[in-house]
Amino acid sequence: MSHLDEVIARVDATIAESVIANMNTLLVALSDDGALSREERYTQQQRLRHAIAQHGRQHKEDLEARREQLTRGGSIL
């Protein structure tokens, strides 16, 4: 397995965990990975950035849905 394949597997596993702290840690670690080309590093970092943004949007939507569910007639039940 090449280094790129290992990195892709790590990125996949980290995204599957859906833990922002771990995604950020790997994002920073990839910045210092000299074994990857600039394009390979950028591609994997973009995958992580996209997953982080998507996680944030989903969290915001979940909070709004919860608030809407708890609010009836303008007051919190």
Protein backbone atom coordinates (compact mmCIF):
# COMPACT_ATOMS: atom_id res chain seq x y z
CA MET A 1 0.00 0.00 0.00
CA SER A 2 1.44 3.35 -1.01
CA HIS A 3 1.69 6.29 1.35
CA LEU A 4 -1.09 8.07 -0.54
CA ASP A 5 -3.36 5.04 -0.12
CA GLU A 6 -2.62 5.03 3.62
CA VAL A 7 -3.43 8.74 3.86
CA ILE A 8 -6.68 8.27 1.92
CA ALA A 9 -7.65 5.44 4.28
CA ARG A 10 -6.87 7.63 7.31
CA VAL A 11 -8.92 10.49 5.87
CA ASP A 12 -11.82 8.12 5.12
CA ALA A 13 -11.72 6.70 8.67
CA THR A 14 -11.51 10.15 10.24
CA ILE A 15 -14.45 11.43 8.20
CA ALA A 16 -16.45 8.33 9.13
CA GLU A 17 -15.80 9.05 12.84
CA SER A 18 -17.38 12.48 12.36
CA VAL A 19 -15.31 14.03 15.17
CA ILE A 20 -14.28 17.59 14.30
CA ALA A 21 -11.23 17.61 16.60
CA ASN A 22 -9.80 14.53 14.87
CA MET A 23 -10.50 16.00 11.44
CA ASN A 24 -8.69 19.22 12.38
CA THR A 25 -5.74 17.28 13.80
CA LEU A 26 -5.37 15.30 10.58
CA LEU A 27 -5.80 18.46 8.51
CA VAL A 28 -2.82 20.02 10.29
CA ALA A 29 -0.78 16.81 10.08
CA LEU A 30 -1.28 16.68 6.32
CA SER A 31 0.20 20.18 6.03
CA ASP A 32 3.55 18.80 7.18
CA ASP A 33 3.46 15.57 5.12
CA GLY A 34 6.39 15.93 2.76
CA ALA A 35 5.82 12.52 1.20
CA LEU A 36 2.72 13.74 -0.61
CA SER A 37 2.73 16.06 -3.58
CA ARG A 38 1.11 19.45 -3.17
CA GLU A 39 -1.91 18.33 -5.23
CA GLU A 40 -2.37 15.09 -3.26
CA ARG A 41 -2.13 16.94 0.05
CA TYR A 42 -4.56 19.62 -1.14
CA THR A 43 -7.10 17.03 -2.33
CA GLN A 44 -7.14 15.21 1.01
CA GLN A 45 -7.26 18.46 2.97
CA GLN A 46 -10.22 19.61 0.86
CA ARG A 47 -12.04 16.38 1.65
CA LEU A 48 -11.54 17.08 5.36
CA ARG A 49 -12.56 20.74 5.03
CA HIS A 50 -15.71 19.71 3.19
CA ALA A 51 -16.59 17.14 5.87
CA ILE A 52 -16.01 19.71 8.63
CA ALA A 53 -18.25 22.27 6.88
CA GLN A 54 -20.94 19.67 6.24
CA HIS A 55 -20.81 18.59 9.88
CA GLY A 56 -21.23 22.21 10.97
CA ARG A 57 -24.22 22.74 8.69
CA GLN A 58 -25.85 19.53 9.89
CA HIS A 59 -25.31 20.53 13.52
CA LYS A 60 -26.88 23.94 12.88
CA GLU A 61 -29.87 22.36 11.11
CA ASP A 62 -30.32 19.90 13.97
CA LEU A 63 -30.32 22.73 16.52
CA GLU A 64 -32.85 24.73 14.51
CA ALA A 65 -35.10 21.70 14.12
CA ARG A 66 -34.89 20.99 17.83
CA ARG A 67 -35.73 24.58 18.70
CA GLU A 68 -38.65 24.53 16.28
CA GLN A 69 -39.88 21.28 17.80
CA LEU A 70 -39.70 22.72 21.32
CA THR A 71 -41.31 26.01 20.36
CA ARG A 72 -45.06 26.10 19.90
CA GLY A 73 -46.98 29.34 19.53
CA GLY A 74 -43.89 31.47 20.14
CA SER A 75 -42.94 30.07 23.54
CA ILE A 76 -40.72 27.23 24.67
CA LEU A 77 -42.75 24.33 25.99
